[in-house]
Amino acid sequence: MAIYRTAPWFQGVLLGGFCLTASVALSYGYKLTAPAIERAAKADLTASLDQVIPASLRTNDMTADTVTLDTDGGPVTVYRARKGGEVSAVAYRVIGKGYGGDIVIVMGVDRAGAILGVRVVQHSETPGLGDKVDARKTDWVKGFAGHSFANTPAAEWAVKKDGGRFDQFSGATITPRAVVKAVKEGLELFAANRARMIGDAKPAAAVPATKPRSVS
């Protein structure tokens, strides 16, 4: 063995053996944990959908009833709620550009284009200031429910500091401004693609969207 250790090829073989062993271990570990990770991801998604679409509007598993819109910003997955076989509402993600980066938002919209609920599911905003958009911190984000382009004109989709209808936070205008803008664009996405979102025919592949303003 001592003779082999001095051979130029020995270190390469030894390193290769370690790499192979590590790869096999990682692959096996992933195989064992993948189902649990998938279940956790589905549970998180279901919890988010439950917050933006009332249970009274659905009798189906929304995670299994989807349609995908292709946009310039990436694919948008639309989750559809059905009651009596008819699509009663849809939910999807939109992205706002906040002070700390992307703000990931899930919003639910009924057939008429009225917001059922909005929740921020991911953000990096300043604790104590921008994080007030999180429903676990304040009820601010719940104030979007009931709004639509029918009762809130486009010009009013802004924070009050900018002449709009929605409150901002003291010392943190950028974050609520970003959320309001993202939610407005989410309604524009629905208005432009309503037929595709609520269509009864479930497409086999992604369909092109006409409003490339949101990503999943």
Protein backbone atom coordinates (compact mmCIF):
# COMPACT_ATOMS: atom_id res chain seq x y z
CA MET A 1 0.00 0.00 0.00
CA ALA A 2 2.89 2.35 0.82
CA ILE A 3 4.26 1.84 -2.69
CA TYR A 4 0.94 2.80 -4.27
CA ARG A 5 0.74 5.98 -2.20
CA THR A 6 3.81 7.36 -3.93
CA ALA A 7 2.42 6.61 -7.40
CA PRO A 8 1.19 9.71 -9.32
CA TRP A 9 -2.14 8.09 -10.16
CA PHE A 10 -2.95 7.05 -6.58
CA GLN A 11 -4.19 10.45 -5.38
CA GLY A 12 -6.41 10.77 -8.43
CA VAL A 13 -7.98 7.38 -7.86
CA LEU A 14 -8.45 8.14 -4.16
CA LEU A 15 -10.10 11.49 -4.88
CA GLY A 16 -12.31 9.91 -7.51
CA GLY A 17 -13.39 7.27 -5.02
CA PHE A 18 -14.35 9.87 -2.45
CA CYS A 19 -16.31 11.87 -5.04
CA LEU A 20 -18.16 8.77 -6.21
CA THR A 21 -19.05 7.80 -2.64
CA ALA A 22 -20.29 11.31 -1.86
CA SER A 23 -22.37 11.43 -5.06
CA VAL A 24 -24.02 8.11 -4.28
CA ALA A 25 -24.77 9.23 -0.71
CA LEU A 26 -26.28 12.53 -1.89
CA SER A 27 -28.36 10.81 -4.54
CA TYR A 28 -29.67 8.29 -2.04
CA GLY A 29 -30.42 11.04 0.48
CA TYR A 30 -32.35 13.05 -2.10
CA LYS A 31 -34.33 9.98 -3.07
CA LEU A 32 -35.32 9.47 0.55
CA THR A 33 -36.24 13.11 1.25
CA ALA A 34 -37.80 14.13 -2.09
CA PRO A 35 -41.33 12.89 -1.24
CA ALA A 36 -41.31 14.75 2.07
CA ILE A 37 -40.06 17.94 0.40
CA GLU A 38 -42.77 17.67 -2.25
CA ARG A 39 -45.47 17.16 0.40
CA ALA A 40 -44.23 20.17 2.36
CA ALA A 41 -44.21 22.37 -0.75
CA LYS A 42 -47.77 21.33 -1.61
CA ALA A 43 -48.89 21.99 1.96
CA ASP A 44 -47.39 25.50 1.83
CA LEU A 45 -49.08 26.20 -1.50
CA THR A 46 -52.43 24.91 -0.24
CA ALA A 47 -52.16 27.10 2.86
CA SER A 48 -51.52 30.17 0.69
CA LEU A 49 -54.46 29.39 -1.58
CA ASP A 50 -56.72 28.87 1.43
CA GLN A 51 -55.97 32.43 2.54
CA VAL A 52 -56.94 34.11 -0.73
CA ILE A 53 -59.91 32.01 -1.87
CA PRO A 54 -62.71 31.13 0.59
CA ALA A 55 -63.54 27.46 1.02
CA SER A 56 -67.16 28.29 0.16
CA LEU A 57 -66.11 28.98 -3.44
CA ARG A 58 -64.46 25.62 -4.13
CA THR A 59 -65.05 21.93 -3.98
CA ASN A 60 -61.95 20.88 -5.92
CA ASP A 61 -58.23 20.54 -5.26
CA MET A 62 -56.90 23.78 -6.73
CA THR A 63 -53.34 22.48 -6.87
CA ALA A 64 -54.51 19.86 -9.38
CA ASP A 65 -56.54 22.27 -11.54
CA THR A 66 -54.17 24.72 -13.18
CA VAL A 67 -53.48 26.56 -16.39
CA THR A 68 -50.15 28.15 -17.29
CA LEU A 69 -49.77 31.49 -19.04
CA ASP A 70 -46.54 32.27 -20.85
CA THR A 71 -45.39 35.83 -20.24
CA ASP A 72 -42.20 37.75 -20.96
CA GLY A 73 -41.50 37.63 -17.25
CA GLY A 74 -41.82 33.86 -17.12
CA PRO A 75 -44.65 31.33 -16.79
CA VAL A 76 -47.59 32.19 -14.54
CA THR A 77 -49.37 29.25 -12.95
CA VAL A 78 -53.07 29.94 -12.38
CA TYR A 79 -54.83 27.81 -9.76
CA ARG A 80 -58.55 27.46 -10.38
CA ALA A 81 -61.33 27.06 -7.81
CA ARG A 82 -64.42 25.23 -8.98
CA LYS A 83 -67.88 24.90 -7.56
CA GLY A 84 -70.50 22.87 -9.35
CA GLY A 85 -67.99 22.23 -12.11
CA GLU A 86 -67.67 25.93 -12.94
CA VAL A 87 -64.58 28.01 -12.25
CA SER A 88 -65.61 30.38 -9.46
CA ALA A 89 -62.25 32.03 -8.81
CA VAL A 90 -58.55 31.88 -9.63
CA ALA A 91 -55.33 32.46 -7.71
CA TYR A 92 -51.84 33.22 -8.94
CA ARG A 93 -48.59 34.87 -7.93
CA VAL A 94 -47.37 38.34 -8.77
CA ILE A 95 -44.06 39.98 -7.95
CA GLY A 96 -43.48 43.42 -6.47
CA LYS A 97 -40.10 45.17 -6.35
CA GLY A 98 -39.67 46.31 -2.77
CA TYR A 99 -36.92 48.04 -0.82
CA GLY A 100 -35.25 44.72 0.04
CA GLY A 101 -35.88 42.93 -3.25
CA ASP A 102 -38.70 40.85 -4.69
CA ILE A 103 -41.99 40.68 -2.82
CA VAL A 104 -43.85 37.48 -3.75
CA ILE A 105 -47.60 37.87 -3.54
CA VAL A 106 -50.47 35.42 -3.96
CA MET A 107 -53.81 36.95 -4.93
CA GLY A 108 -57.26 35.46 -5.45
CA VAL A 109 -59.77 36.94 -7.90
CA ASP A 110 -63.40 35.97 -8.52
CA ARG A 111 -65.04 35.54 -11.92
CA ALA A 112 -66.08 39.19 -12.00
CA GLY A 113 -62.55 40.44 -11.40
CA ALA A 114 -62.93 41.39 -7.74
CA ILE A 115 -60.12 40.59 -5.34
CA LEU A 116 -60.95 37.91 -2.81
CA GLY A 117 -57.67 38.08 -0.93
CA VAL A 118 -54.02 39.07 -1.13
CA ARG A 119 -51.15 37.65 0.88
CA VAL A 120 -47.41 38.33 0.85
CA VAL A 121 -45.71 34.94 1.00
CA GLN A 122 -42.07 35.98 0.64
CA HIS A 123 -40.15 39.21 1.14
CA SER A 124 -36.93 40.74 2.49
CA GLU A 125 -38.33 44.04 3.71
CA THR A 126 -37.09 45.90 6.78
CA PRO A 127 -38.39 44.41 10.05
CA GLY A 128 -40.73 46.80 11.86
CA LEU A 129 -41.26 48.93 8.75
CA GLY A 130 -41.73 47.25 5.37
CA ASP A 131 -42.67 43.89 6.86
CA LYS A 132 -46.05 45.34 7.79
CA VAL A 133 -47.25 44.04 4.41
CA ASP A 134 -47.13 40.57 5.99
CA ALA A 135 -50.57 39.56 7.28
CA ARG A 136 -48.88 38.08 10.35
CA LYS A 137 -47.74 41.59 11.30
CA THR A 138 -50.70 43.80 10.40
CA ASP A 139 -54.03 43.61 8.53
CA TRP A 140 -52.93 46.11 5.89
CA VAL A 141 -52.73 43.60 3.04
CA LYS A 142 -56.25 42.36 3.83
CA GLY A 143 -57.57 45.74 2.72
CA PHE A 144 -57.36 44.75 -0.95
CA ALA A 145 -60.29 42.35 -0.62
CA GLY A 146 -63.34 43.57 -2.52
CA HIS A 147 -61.43 45.97 -4.74
CA SER A 148 -61.64 45.71 -8.52
CA PHE A 149 -61.30 47.99 -11.50
CA ALA A 150 -65.09 48.38 -11.34
CA ASN A 151 -65.03 50.10 -7.95
CA THR A 152 -61.44 51.39 -7.84
CA PRO A 153 -60.39 53.33 -10.95
CA ALA A 154 -56.89 52.77 -12.30
CA ALA A 155 -55.74 56.20 -11.14
CA GLU A 156 -56.54 55.29 -7.52
CA TRP A 157 -54.31 52.20 -7.48
CA ALA A 158 -51.54 53.93 -5.57
CA VAL A 159 -50.71 54.83 -1.98
CA LYS A 160 -52.28 58.00 -0.59
CA LYS A 161 -48.94 59.80 -0.71
CA ASP A 162 -49.08 59.38 -4.50
CA GLY A 163 -52.71 60.45 -4.73
CA GLY A 164 -54.14 56.95 -4.51
CA ARG A 165 -56.56 55.15 -2.22
CA PHE A 166 -54.28 52.87 -0.19
CA ASP A 167 -52.47 53.68 3.04
CA GLN A 168 -48.70 53.71 3.27
CA PHE A 169 -46.57 53.10 6.35
CA SER A 170 -44.79 55.78 8.31
CA GLY A 171 -41.16 55.69 7.23
CA ALA A 172 -41.73 52.96 4.64
CA THR A 173 -43.53 54.06 1.51
CA ILE A 174 -41.55 51.97 -0.97
CA THR A 175 -42.88 48.62 0.23
CA PRO A 176 -46.64 49.34 0.20
CA ARG A 177 -46.19 51.21 -3.08
CA ALA A 178 -44.61 48.07 -4.58
CA VAL A 179 -47.40 45.83 -3.31
CA VAL A 180 -50.17 48.11 -4.60
CA LYS A 181 -48.48 48.26 -8.01
CA ALA A 182 -48.07 44.48 -8.15
CA VAL A 183 -51.69 43.83 -7.18
CA LYS A 184 -52.90 46.32 -9.80
CA GLU A 185 -50.81 44.54 -12.41
CA GLY A 186 -52.30 41.26 -11.19
CA LEU A 187 -55.77 42.59 -11.92
CA GLU A 188 -54.59 43.75 -15.34
CA LEU A 189 -53.28 40.24 -15.97
CA PHE A 190 -56.69 38.81 -15.09
CA ALA A 191 -58.57 41.35 -17.23
CA ALA A 192 -56.40 40.59 -20.26
CA ASN A 193 -56.54 36.80 -19.86
CA ARG A 194 -59.87 36.15 -18.14
CA ALA A 195 -61.14 33.74 -20.79
CA ARG A 196 -58.00 31.62 -20.54
CA MET A 197 -57.94 31.68 -16.76
CA ILE A 198 -61.52 30.59 -16.18
CA GLY A 199 -62.06 28.60 -19.38
CA ASP A 200 -63.56 25.19 -18.69
CA ALA A 201 -61.25 23.47 -21.16
CA LYS A 202 -58.03 22.61 -19.37
CA PRO A 203 -55.16 23.16 -21.85
CA ALA A 204 -52.54 20.49 -22.28
CA ALA A 205 -49.77 23.03 -22.73
CA ALA A 206 -48.98 26.61 -21.83
CA VAL A 207 -50.89 29.31 -23.68
CA PRO A 208 -49.58 32.77 -24.56
CA ALA A 209 -50.64 35.63 -22.33
CA THR A 210 -51.32 39.14 -23.53
CA LYS A 211 -50.21 40.91 -20.33
CA PRO A 212 -46.59 40.00 -19.48
CA ARG A 213 -46.58 41.67 -16.06
CA SER A 214 -46.45 38.81 -13.57
CA VAL A 215 -44.42 35.74 -12.78
CA SER A 216 -45.09 32.69 -10.69
